[in-house]
C-alpha atoms as a PDB file:
ATOM      1  CA  UNK A   1     139.272 105.581 194.899  1.00  0.00           C
ATOM      2  CA  UNK A   2     137.628 108.858 195.861  1.00  0.00           C
ATOM      3  CA  UNK A   3     134.087 109.093 197.251  1.00  0.00           C
ATOM      4  CA  UNK A   4     133.211 111.433 194.343  1.00  0.00           C
ATOM      5  CA  UNK A   5     134.422 108.598 191.028  1.00  0.00           C
ATOM      6  CA  UNK A   6     132.329 105.916 193.006  1.00  0.00           C
ATOM      7  CA  UNK A   7     129.499 108.523 192.916  1.00  0.00           C
ATOM      8  CA  UNK A   8     130.148 108.956 189.444  1.00  0.00           C
ATOM      9  CA  UNK A   9     129.744 105.413 188.348  1.00  0.00           C
ATOM     10  CA  UNK A  10     133.609 104.549 188.057  1.00  0.00           C
ATOM     11  CA  UNK A  11     134.912 101.337 189.758  1.00  0.00           C
ATOM     12  CA  UNK A  12     138.617 100.391 189.768  1.00  0.00           C
ATOM     13  CA  UNK A  13     138.897  96.788 187.923  1.00  0.00           C
ATOM     14  CA  UNK A  14     142.553  96.885 187.067  1.00  0.00           C
ATOM     15  CA  UNK A  15     145.871  98.228 188.218  1.00  0.00           C
ATOM     16  CA  UNK A  16     148.829  97.651 185.321  1.00  0.00           C
ATOM     17  CA  UNK A  17     152.032  98.839 183.705  1.00  0.00           C
ATOM     18  CA  UNK A  18     152.594 100.111 180.295  1.00  0.00           C
ATOM     19  CA  UNK A  19     152.778  97.155 178.655  1.00  0.00           C
ATOM     20  CA  UNK A  20     149.832  95.880 178.930  1.00  0.00           C
ATOM     21  CA  UNK A  21     147.348  98.722 179.294  1.00  0.00           C
ATOM     22  CA  UNK A  22     146.485  99.072 175.739  1.00  0.00           C
ATOM     23  CA  UNK A  23     145.305  95.853 175.607  1.00  0.00           C
ATOM     24  CA  UNK A  24     143.656  96.244 178.875  1.00  0.00           C
ATOM     25  CA  UNK A  25     142.260  99.819 177.568  1.00  0.00           C
ATOM     26  CA  UNK A  26     141.579  98.267 174.723  1.00  0.00           C
ATOM     27  CA  UNK A  27     139.619  95.351 175.441  1.00  0.00           C
ATOM     28  CA  UNK A  28     137.447  97.364 178.161  1.00  0.00           C
ATOM     29  CA  UNK A  29     136.474 100.091 174.988  1.00  0.00           C
ATOM     30  CA  UNK A  30     135.558  96.489 172.996  1.00  0.00           C
ATOM     31  CA  UNK A  31     132.729  95.281 176.061  1.00  0.00           C
ATOM     32  CA  UNK A  32     131.153  99.415 175.376  1.00  0.00           C
ATOM     33  CA  UNK A  33     132.692 100.948 178.927  1.00  0.00           C
ATOM     34  CA  UNK A  34     134.779 104.620 179.189  1.00  0.00           C
ATOM     35  CA  UNK A  35     137.813 103.697 180.831  1.00  0.00           C
ATOM     36  CA  UNK A  36     139.831 105.926 182.829  1.00  0.00           C
ATOM     37  CA  UNK A  37     143.539 105.559 183.759  1.00  0.00           C
ATOM     38  CA  UNK A  38     145.430 107.078 186.745  1.00  0.00           C
ATOM     39  CA  UNK A  39     148.831 107.172 187.252  1.00  0.00           C
ATOM     40  CA  UNK A  40     149.836 105.999 190.511  1.00  0.00           C
ATOM     41  CA  UNK A  41     153.054 105.184 192.703  1.00  0.00           C
ATOM     42  CA  UNK A  42     154.705 102.291 193.581  1.00  0.00           C
ATOM     43  CA  UNK A  43     154.393 102.614 196.728  1.00  0.00           C
ATOM     44  CA  UNK A  44     150.817 103.863 195.855  1.00  0.00           C
ATOM     45  CA  UNK A  45     149.909 100.299 195.605  1.00  0.00           C
ATOM     46  CA  UNK A  46     149.157  97.089 197.490  1.00  0.00           C
ATOM     47  CA  UNK A  47     150.759  94.418 195.068  1.00  0.00           C
ATOM     48  CA  UNK A  48     154.388  94.063 194.164  1.00  0.00           C
ATOM     49  CA  UNK A  49     155.418  95.912 191.807  1.00  0.00           C
ATOM     50  CA  UNK A  50     159.117  95.006 190.952  1.00  0.00           C
ATOM     51  CA  UNK A  51     158.758  93.564 187.529  1.00  0.00           C
ATOM     52  CA  UNK A  52     157.616  97.219 186.749  1.00  0.00           C
ATOM     53  CA  UNK A  53     160.046  99.249 188.290  1.00  0.00           C
ATOM     54  CA  UNK A  54     162.922  96.816 186.878  1.00  0.00           C
ATOM     55  CA  UNK A  55     161.225  97.683 183.239  1.00  0.00           C
ATOM     56  CA  UNK A  56     160.933 101.071 183.835  1.00  0.00           C
ATOM     57  CA  UNK A  57     157.318 101.384 183.561  1.00  0.00           C
ATOM     58  CA  UNK A  58     154.637 103.923 184.787  1.00  0.00           C
ATOM     59  CA  UNK A  59     151.858 101.864 186.477  1.00  0.00           C
ATOM     60  CA  UNK A  60     147.905 102.587 186.451  1.00  0.00           C
ATOM     61  CA  UNK A  61     144.627 102.578 187.909  1.00  0.00           C
ATOM     62  CA  UNK A  62     142.668 101.254 185.608  1.00  0.00           C
ATOM     63  CA  UNK A  63     138.404 102.782 186.339  1.00  0.00           C
ATOM     64  CA  UNK A  64     135.481 102.132 183.874  1.00  0.00           C
ATOM     65  CA  UNK A  65     131.941 102.849 184.033  1.00  0.00           C
ATOM     66  CA  UNK A  66     128.649 102.087 181.995  1.00  0.00           C
ATOM     67  CA  UNK A  67     129.034 104.139 178.690  1.00  0.00           C
ATOM     68  CA  UNK A  68     125.983 106.954 179.340  1.00  0.00           C
ATOM     69  CA  UNK A  69     123.878 106.928 176.150  1.00  0.00           C
ATOM     70  CA  UNK A  70     123.006 111.286 175.299  1.00  0.00           C
END
């Protein structure tokens, strides 16, 4: 995660494939968070990605931050 991302209030909360992504995004939005996604390559992830690769899924880092009231 870049220093700029942290300074903007974002924090990484998950790394997951397309299968579960909508559920994760909906959950955090229901809790009142902004959600940002970053597609990553399997070699950029420290955890095992074999199941994602076998299903030919894209992998995403999920970032959240509290909504800013304007």
